[in-house]
PDB file of N, CA and C in Angstrom:
ATOM      1  N   LEU A   1      -2.486  13.881  -1.866  1.00  0.00           N
ATOM      2  CA  LEU A   1      -2.289  12.459  -1.794  1.00  0.00           C
ATOM      3  C   LEU A   1      -1.816  12.156  -0.349  1.00  0.00           C
ATOM      4  N   LYS A   2      -2.737  11.342   0.262  1.00  0.00           N
ATOM      5  CA  LYS A   2      -2.636  11.018   1.574  1.00  0.00           C
ATOM      6  C   LYS A   2      -2.335   9.592   1.818  1.00  0.00           C
ATOM      7  N   LEU A   3      -1.089   9.249   2.048  1.00  0.00           N
ATOM      8  CA  LEU A   3      -0.935   7.800   2.097  1.00  0.00           C
ATOM      9  C   LEU A   3      -0.579   7.446   3.489  1.00  0.00           C
ATOM     10  N   LYS A   4      -1.119   6.235   3.956  1.00  0.00           N
ATOM     11  CA  LYS A   4      -1.077   5.863   5.449  1.00  0.00           C
ATOM     12  C   LYS A   4       0.236   5.656   5.966  1.00  0.00           C
ATOM     13  N   ASN A   5       1.078   4.879   5.085  1.00  0.00           N
ATOM     14  CA  ASN A   5       2.426   4.438   5.544  1.00  0.00           C
ATOM     15  C   ASN A   5       3.593   5.359   5.082  1.00  0.00           C
ATOM     16  N   CYS A   6       3.281   6.596   4.789  1.00  0.00           N
ATOM     17  CA  CYS A   6       4.457   7.564   4.490  1.00  0.00           C
ATOM     18  C   CYS A   6       4.678   8.472   5.761  1.00  0.00           C
ATOM     19  N   ASP A   7       5.864   8.978   5.721  1.00  0.00           N
ATOM     20  CA  ASP A   7       6.323   9.969   6.636  1.00  0.00           C
ATOM     21  C   ASP A   7       5.539  11.262   6.310  1.00  0.00           C
ATOM     22  N   PRO A   8       5.488  12.102   7.419  1.00  0.00           N
ATOM     23  CA  PRO A   8       4.754  13.312   7.094  1.00  0.00           C
ATOM     24  C   PRO A   8       5.456  14.246   6.174  1.00  0.00           C
ATOM     25  N   VAL A   9       4.834  15.137   5.464  1.00  0.00           N
ATOM     26  CA  VAL A   9       5.669  16.087   4.654  1.00  0.00           C
ATOM     27  C   VAL A   9       6.132  17.132   5.570  1.00  0.00           C
ATOM     28  N   HIS A  10       7.358  17.472   5.312  1.00  0.00           N
ATOM     29  CA  HIS A  10       8.102  18.616   6.022  1.00  0.00           C
ATOM     30  C   HIS A  10       8.185  19.820   5.053  1.00  0.00           C
ATOM     31  N   GLU A  11       8.416  19.643   3.844  1.00  0.00           N
ATOM     32  CA  GLU A  11       8.573  20.905   3.055  1.00  0.00           C
ATOM     33  C   GLU A  11       8.323  20.443   1.598  1.00  0.00           C
ATOM     34  N   VAL A  12       7.488  21.484   0.741  1.00  0.00           N
ATOM     35  CA  VAL A  12       7.183  21.295  -0.529  1.00  0.00           C
ATOM     36  C   VAL A  12       7.680  22.405  -1.292  1.00  0.00           C
ATOM     37  N   SER A  13       8.412  22.351  -2.422  1.00  0.00           N
ATOM     38  CA  SER A  13       8.625  23.605  -3.173  1.00  0.00           C
ATOM     39  C   SER A  13       8.346  23.287  -4.784  1.00  0.00           C
ATOM     40  N   ILE A  14       7.958  24.408  -5.371  1.00  0.00           N
ATOM     41  CA  ILE A  14       7.718  24.267  -6.826  1.00  0.00           C
ATOM     42  C   ILE A  14       8.841  25.190  -7.405  1.00  0.00           C
ATOM     43  N   VAL A  15       9.704  25.727  -6.686  1.00  0.00           N
ATOM     44  CA  VAL A  15      10.790  26.572  -7.267  1.00  0.00           C
ATOM     45  C   VAL A  15      12.012  25.714  -7.816  1.00  0.00           C
ATOM     46  N   PRO A  16      12.226  25.714  -9.229  1.00  0.00           N
ATOM     47  CA  PRO A  16      13.230  24.776  -9.881  1.00  0.00           C
ATOM     48  C   PRO A  16      14.589  25.101  -9.123  1.00  0.00           C
ATOM     49  N   ARG A  17      15.167  23.892  -9.017  1.00  0.00           N
ATOM     50  CA  ARG A  17      16.609  23.765  -8.433  1.00  0.00           C
ATOM     51  C   ARG A  17      17.348  22.858  -9.222  1.00  0.00           C
ATOM     52  N   GLY A  18      18.440  23.260  -9.906  1.00  0.00           N
ATOM     53  CA  GLY A  18      19.198  22.319 -10.589  1.00  0.00           C
ATOM     54  C   GLY A  18      18.351  21.617 -11.809  1.00  0.00           C
ATOM     55  N   LEU A  19      18.317  20.458 -11.790  1.00  0.00           N
ATOM     56  CA  LEU A  19      17.471  19.361 -12.704  1.00  0.00           C
ATOM     57  C   LEU A  19      16.041  19.311 -12.206  1.00  0.00           C
ATOM     58  N   ALA A  20      15.812  19.691 -10.951  1.00  0.00           N
ATOM     59  CA  ALA A  20      14.443  19.470 -10.354  1.00  0.00           C
ATOM     60  C   ALA A  20      13.718  20.547 -10.557  1.00  0.00           C
ATOM     61  N   GLY A  21      12.512  20.328 -10.940  1.00  0.00           N
ATOM     62  CA  GLY A  21      11.289  21.423 -11.053  1.00  0.00           C
ATOM     63  C   GLY A  21      10.635  21.681  -9.780  1.00  0.00           C
ATOM     64  N   GLY A  22      11.010  21.035  -8.891  1.00  0.00           N
ATOM     65  CA  GLY A  22      10.391  20.987  -7.578  1.00  0.00           C
ATOM     66  C   GLY A  22      10.657  19.749  -6.579  1.00  0.00           C
ATOM     67  N   TYR A  23      10.251  19.793  -5.501  1.00  0.00           N
ATOM     68  CA  TYR A  23      10.490  18.583  -4.480  1.00  0.00           C
ATOM     69  C   TYR A  23       9.594  18.514  -3.464  1.00  0.00           C
ATOM     70  N   THR A  24       9.419  17.378  -2.721  1.00  0.00           N
ATOM     71  CA  THR A  24       8.819  17.260  -1.603  1.00  0.00           C
ATOM     72  C   THR A  24       9.799  16.546  -0.623  1.00  0.00           C
ATOM     73  N   MET A  25       9.862  17.049   0.631  1.00  0.00           N
ATOM     74  CA  MET A  25      10.646  16.464   1.526  1.00  0.00           C
ATOM     75  C   MET A  25       9.873  15.931   2.665  1.00  0.00           C
ATOM     76  N   TYR A  26      10.269  14.773   3.173  1.00  0.00           N
ATOM     77  CA  TYR A  26       9.484  14.089   4.140  1.00  0.00           C
ATOM     78  C   TYR A  26      10.332  13.942   5.397  1.00  0.00           C
ATOM     79  N   LEU A  27       9.853  14.018   6.579  1.00  0.00           N
ATOM     80  CA  LEU A  27      10.543  14.070   7.871  1.00  0.00           C
ATOM     81  C   LEU A  27      10.145  12.969   8.638  1.00  0.00           C
ATOM     82  N   PRO A  28      11.006  11.795   8.723  1.00  0.00           N
ATOM     83  CA  PRO A  28      10.478  10.525   9.424  1.00  0.00           C
ATOM     84  C   PRO A  28      10.060  10.847  10.773  1.00  0.00           C
ATOM     85  N   LYS A  29       9.179  10.195  11.236  1.00  0.00           N
ATOM     86  CA  LYS A  29       8.503  10.245  12.689  1.00  0.00           C
ATOM     87  C   LYS A  29       9.694   9.660  13.645  1.00  0.00           C
ATOM     88  N   GLU A  30      10.456   8.693  13.299  1.00  0.00           N
ATOM     89  CA  GLU A  30      11.355   8.012  14.140  1.00  0.00           C
ATOM     90  C   GLU A  30      12.556   7.253  13.280  1.00  0.00           C
ATOM     91  N   ASP A  31      13.636   7.038  13.898  1.00  0.00           N
ATOM     92  CA  ASP A  31      14.662   6.186  13.159  1.00  0.00           C
ATOM     93  C   ASP A  31      14.080   4.767  13.069  1.00  0.00           C
ATOM     94  N   LYS A  32      14.439   4.370  11.685  1.00  0.00           N
ATOM     95  CA  LYS A  32      13.988   2.992  11.499  1.00  0.00           C
ATOM     96  C   LYS A  32      15.064   2.113  10.994  1.00  0.00           C
ATOM     97  N   THR A  33      15.335   0.938  11.514  1.00  0.00           N
ATOM     98  CA  THR A  33      16.164   0.002  10.990  1.00  0.00           C
ATOM     99  C   THR A  33      15.852  -0.613   9.854  1.00  0.00           C
ATOM    100  N   TYR A  34      14.352  -1.156   9.846  1.00  0.00           N
ATOM    101  CA  TYR A  34      13.689  -1.945   8.899  1.00  0.00           C
ATOM    102  C   TYR A  34      12.532  -1.230   8.450  1.00  0.00           C
ATOM    103  N   VAL A  35      12.260  -1.190   7.140  1.00  0.00           N
ATOM    104  CA  VAL A  35      11.173  -0.650   6.525  1.00  0.00           C
ATOM    105  C   VAL A  35      10.183  -1.724   5.987  1.00  0.00           C
ATOM    106  N   THR A  36       8.851  -1.519   6.341  1.00  0.00           N
ATOM    107  CA  THR A  36       7.898  -2.440   5.815  1.00  0.00           C
ATOM    108  C   THR A  36       7.541  -2.312   4.316  1.00  0.00           C
ATOM    109  N   ARG A  37       7.020  -3.392   3.816  1.00  0.00           N
ATOM    110  CA  ARG A  37       6.660  -3.390   2.379  1.00  0.00           C
ATOM    111  C   ARG A  37       5.519  -2.372   2.262  1.00  0.00           C
ATOM    112  N   SER A  38       4.537  -2.250   3.007  1.00  0.00           N
ATOM    113  CA  SER A  38       3.603  -1.237   2.922  1.00  0.00           C
ATOM    114  C   SER A  38       4.128   0.262   2.730  1.00  0.00           C
ATOM    115  N   LYS A  39       5.074   0.473   3.584  1.00  0.00           N
ATOM    116  CA  LYS A  39       5.762   1.805   3.524  1.00  0.00           C
ATOM    117  C   LYS A  39       6.492   1.887   2.327  1.00  0.00           C
ATOM    118  N   LEU A  40       7.251   0.924   1.770  1.00  0.00           N
ATOM    119  CA  LEU A  40       7.915   1.080   0.575  1.00  0.00           C
ATOM    120  C   LEU A  40       6.898   1.308  -0.650  1.00  0.00           C
ATOM    121  N   GLU A  41       5.772   0.467  -0.561  1.00  0.00           N
ATOM    122  CA  GLU A  41       4.684   0.702  -1.627  1.00  0.00           C
ATOM    123  C   GLU A  41       4.249   2.123  -1.757  1.00  0.00           C
ATOM    124  N   ASP A  42       3.966   2.529  -0.421  1.00  0.00           N
ATOM    125  CA  ASP A  42       3.512   3.975  -0.333  1.00  0.00           C
ATOM    126  C   ASP A  42       4.481   5.142  -0.889  1.00  0.00           C
ATOM    127  N   SER A  43       5.803   4.826  -0.520  1.00  0.00           N
ATOM    128  CA  SER A  43       6.772   5.769  -0.975  1.00  0.00           C
ATOM    129  C   SER A  43       6.864   5.694  -2.599  1.00  0.00           C
ATOM    130  N   ILE A  44       6.573   4.391  -3.078  1.00  0.00           N
ATOM    131  CA  ILE A  44       6.597   4.445  -4.644  1.00  0.00           C
ATOM    132  C   ILE A  44       5.474   5.444  -5.178  1.00  0.00           C
ATOM    133  N   ALA A  45       4.173   5.132  -4.516  1.00  0.00           N
ATOM    134  CA  ALA A  45       3.211   6.046  -5.006  1.00  0.00           C
ATOM    135  C   ALA A  45       3.383   7.439  -4.719  1.00  0.00           C
ATOM    136  N   ALA A  46       4.015   7.896  -3.614  1.00  0.00           N
ATOM    137  CA  ALA A  46       4.361   9.265  -3.513  1.00  0.00           C
ATOM    138  C   ALA A  46       5.451   9.690  -4.388  1.00  0.00           C
ATOM    139  N   ALA A  47       6.331   8.964  -4.883  1.00  0.00           N
ATOM    140  CA  ALA A  47       7.296   9.205  -5.844  1.00  0.00           C
ATOM    141  C   ALA A  47       6.581   9.442  -7.206  1.00  0.00           C
ATOM    142  N   LEU A  48       5.728   8.833  -7.517  1.00  0.00           N
ATOM    143  CA  LEU A  48       4.949   8.810  -8.910  1.00  0.00           C
ATOM    144  C   LEU A  48       3.890   9.709  -8.996  1.00  0.00           C
ATOM    145  N   GLY A  49       3.648  10.478  -7.905  1.00  0.00           N
ATOM    146  CA  GLY A  49       2.481  11.242  -7.735  1.00  0.00           C
ATOM    147  C   GLY A  49       2.708  12.469  -8.617  1.00  0.00           C
ATOM    148  N   GLY A  50       3.753  13.115  -8.725  1.00  0.00           N
ATOM    149  CA  GLY A  50       3.820  14.359  -9.527  1.00  0.00           C
ATOM    150  C   GLY A  50       3.767  13.899 -11.049  1.00  0.00           C
ATOM    151  N   ARG A  51       4.449  12.669 -11.349  1.00  0.00           N
ATOM    152  CA  ARG A  51       4.271  12.229 -12.785  1.00  0.00           C
ATOM    153  C   ARG A  51       2.992  12.132 -13.184  1.00  0.00           C
ATOM    154  N   VAL A  52       2.167  11.488 -12.272  1.00  0.00           N
ATOM    155  CA  VAL A  52       0.752  11.082 -12.578  1.00  0.00           C
ATOM    156  C   VAL A  52      -0.172  12.436 -12.773  1.00  0.00           C
ATOM    157  N   ALA A  53       0.131  13.378 -11.926  1.00  0.00           N
ATOM    158  CA  ALA A  53      -0.493  14.596 -11.945  1.00  0.00           C
ATOM    159  C   ALA A  53      -0.135  15.235 -13.168  1.00  0.00           C
ATOM    160  N   GLU A  54       1.025  15.326 -13.612  1.00  0.00           N
ATOM    161  CA  GLU A  54       1.329  15.939 -14.937  1.00  0.00           C
ATOM    162  C   GLU A  54       0.587  15.322 -16.069  1.00  0.00           C
ATOM    163  N   LYS A  55       0.439  13.997 -16.127  1.00  0.00           N
ATOM    164  CA  LYS A  55      -0.124  13.248 -17.309  1.00  0.00           C
ATOM    165  C   LYS A  55      -1.773  13.717 -17.077  1.00  0.00           C
ATOM    166  N   LEU A  56      -2.393  13.662 -15.844  1.00  0.00           N
ATOM    167  CA  LEU A  56      -3.737  14.126 -15.664  1.00  0.00           C
ATOM    168  C   LEU A  56      -3.982  15.403 -15.932  1.00  0.00           C
ATOM    169  N   ARG A  57      -3.200  16.360 -15.569  1.00  0.00           N
ATOM    170  CA  ARG A  57      -3.461  17.866 -15.764  1.00  0.00           C
ATOM    171  C   ARG A  57      -3.052  18.298 -17.129  1.00  0.00           C
ATOM    172  N   LEU A  58      -1.837  17.882 -17.596  1.00  0.00           N
ATOM    173  CA  LEU A  58      -1.346  18.320 -18.863  1.00  0.00           C
ATOM    174  C   LEU A  58      -1.385  17.534 -20.099  1.00  0.00           C
ATOM    175  N   GLY A  59      -1.892  16.228 -19.873  1.00  0.00           N
ATOM    176  CA  GLY A  59      -2.047  15.301 -20.895  1.00  0.00           C
ATOM    177  C   GLY A  59      -0.669  14.653 -21.320  1.00  0.00           C
ATOM    178  N   ASP A  60       0.404  15.006 -20.859  1.00  0.00           N
ATOM    179  CA  ASP A  60       1.629  14.430 -21.167  1.00  0.00           C
ATOM    180  C   ASP A  60       2.699  14.546 -19.906  1.00  0.00           C
ATOM    181  N   ILE A  61       3.847  14.125 -19.991  1.00  0.00           N
ATOM    182  CA  ILE A  61       4.776  13.981 -19.057  1.00  0.00           C
ATOM    183  C   ILE A  61       6.028  14.728 -19.444  1.00  0.00           C
ATOM    184  N   SER A  62       6.541  15.461 -18.579  1.00  0.00           N
ATOM    185  CA  SER A  62       7.833  16.320 -18.918  1.00  0.00           C
ATOM    186  C   SER A  62       8.986  15.467 -18.597  1.00  0.00           C
ATOM    187  N   THR A  63      10.194  16.022 -18.834  1.00  0.00           N
ATOM    188  CA  THR A  63      11.402  15.430 -18.591  1.00  0.00           C
ATOM    189  C   THR A  63      11.732  15.644 -16.939  1.00  0.00           C
ATOM    190  N   GLY A  64      10.909  16.454 -16.295  1.00  0.00           N
ATOM    191  CA  GLY A  64      11.166  16.545 -15.024  1.00  0.00           C
ATOM    192  C   GLY A  64      10.759  15.449 -14.251  1.00  0.00           C
ATOM    193  N   ALA A  65       9.752  14.710 -14.763  1.00  0.00           N
ATOM    194  CA  ALA A  65       9.308  13.475 -14.154  1.00  0.00           C
ATOM    195  C   ALA A  65      10.165  12.219 -14.180  1.00  0.00           C
ATOM    196  N   HIS A  66      11.283  12.428 -15.076  1.00  0.00           N
ATOM    197  CA  HIS A  66      12.301  11.341 -15.149  1.00  0.00           C
ATOM    198  C   HIS A  66      12.867  10.887 -13.745  1.00  0.00           C
ATOM    199  N   SER A  67      13.339  11.854 -12.973  1.00  0.00           N
ATOM    200  CA  SER A  67      13.737  11.601 -11.767  1.00  0.00           C
ATOM    201  C   SER A  67      12.776  10.937 -10.705  1.00  0.00           C
ATOM    202  N   ASP A  68      11.602  11.269 -10.915  1.00  0.00           N
ATOM    203  CA  ASP A  68      10.543  10.657 -10.103  1.00  0.00           C
ATOM    204  C   ASP A  68      10.393   9.083 -10.375  1.00  0.00           C
ATOM    205  N   LEU A  69      10.481   8.750 -11.594  1.00  0.00           N
ATOM    206  CA  LEU A  69      10.341   7.295 -12.090  1.00  0.00           C
ATOM    207  C   LEU A  69      11.635   6.608 -11.517  1.00  0.00           C
ATOM    208  N   GLN A  70      12.802   7.259 -11.841  1.00  0.00           N
ATOM    209  CA  GLN A  70      14.090   6.789 -11.326  1.00  0.00           C
ATOM    210  C   GLN A  70      14.049   6.471  -9.814  1.00  0.00           C
ATOM    211  N   HIS A  71      13.600   7.348  -9.004  1.00  0.00           N
ATOM    212  CA  HIS A  71      13.407   6.988  -7.450  1.00  0.00           C
ATOM    213  C   HIS A  71      12.423   6.161  -7.236  1.00  0.00           C
ATOM    214  N   ALA A  72      11.433   5.765  -7.959  1.00  0.00           N
ATOM    215  CA  ALA A  72      10.500   4.834  -7.597  1.00  0.00           C
ATOM    216  C   ALA A  72      11.060   3.539  -8.054  1.00  0.00           C
ATOM    217  N   SER A  73      11.833   3.485  -9.120  1.00  0.00           N
ATOM    218  CA  SER A  73      12.419   2.199  -9.450  1.00  0.00           C
ATOM    219  C   SER A  73      13.590   1.837  -8.492  1.00  0.00           C
ATOM    220  N   GLU A  74      14.199   2.805  -7.976  1.00  0.00           N
ATOM    221  CA  GLU A  74      15.230   2.396  -6.889  1.00  0.00           C
ATOM    222  C   GLU A  74      14.567   1.821  -5.669  1.00  0.00           C
ATOM    223  N   ILE A  75      13.425   2.404  -5.286  1.00  0.00           N
ATOM    224  CA  ILE A  75      12.699   1.759  -4.087  1.00  0.00           C
ATOM    225  C   ILE A  75      12.320   0.457  -4.429  1.00  0.00           C
ATOM    226  N   ALA A  76      11.645   0.129  -5.631  1.00  0.00           N
ATOM    227  CA  ALA A  76      11.179  -1.204  -6.129  1.00  0.00           C
ATOM    228  C   ALA A  76      12.359  -2.179  -5.992  1.00  0.00           C
ATOM    229  N   HIS A  77      13.361  -1.688  -6.352  1.00  0.00           N
ATOM    230  CA  HIS A  77      14.772  -2.629  -6.399  1.00  0.00           C
ATOM    231  C   HIS A  77      15.052  -3.053  -5.188  1.00  0.00           C
ATOM    232  N   ARG A  78      14.999  -2.061  -4.230  1.00  0.00           N
ATOM    233  CA  ARG A  78      15.215  -2.436  -2.767  1.00  0.00           C
ATOM    234  C   ARG A  78      14.279  -3.403  -2.210  1.00  0.00           C
ATOM    235  N   MET A  79      13.123  -3.499  -2.856  1.00  0.00           N
ATOM    236  CA  MET A  79      12.065  -4.569  -2.417  1.00  0.00           C
ATOM    237  C   MET A  79      12.218  -6.057  -2.626  1.00  0.00           C
ATOM    238  N   VAL A  80      13.067  -6.195  -3.699  1.00  0.00           N
ATOM    239  CA  VAL A  80      13.505  -7.481  -4.144  1.00  0.00           C
ATOM    240  C   VAL A  80      14.732  -8.076  -3.470  1.00  0.00           C
TER     241      VAL A  80
END
């Protein structure tokens, strides 16, 4: 998944840690005081990428995707 307005990926892990089955860490290119709408939209798309991949590949969504949806909802809430 390549999104034009996301920060570059710094680290990806599929090793389960706590309640997370894996994670993706982004490294901002620069400090930002304000975030554009397009960046927030791409952040939502990135947050939901794992959830969509599970649905497409496995035909169902696991409980691990719950935090992805929660994170995307938090971003959407910040947008309004």
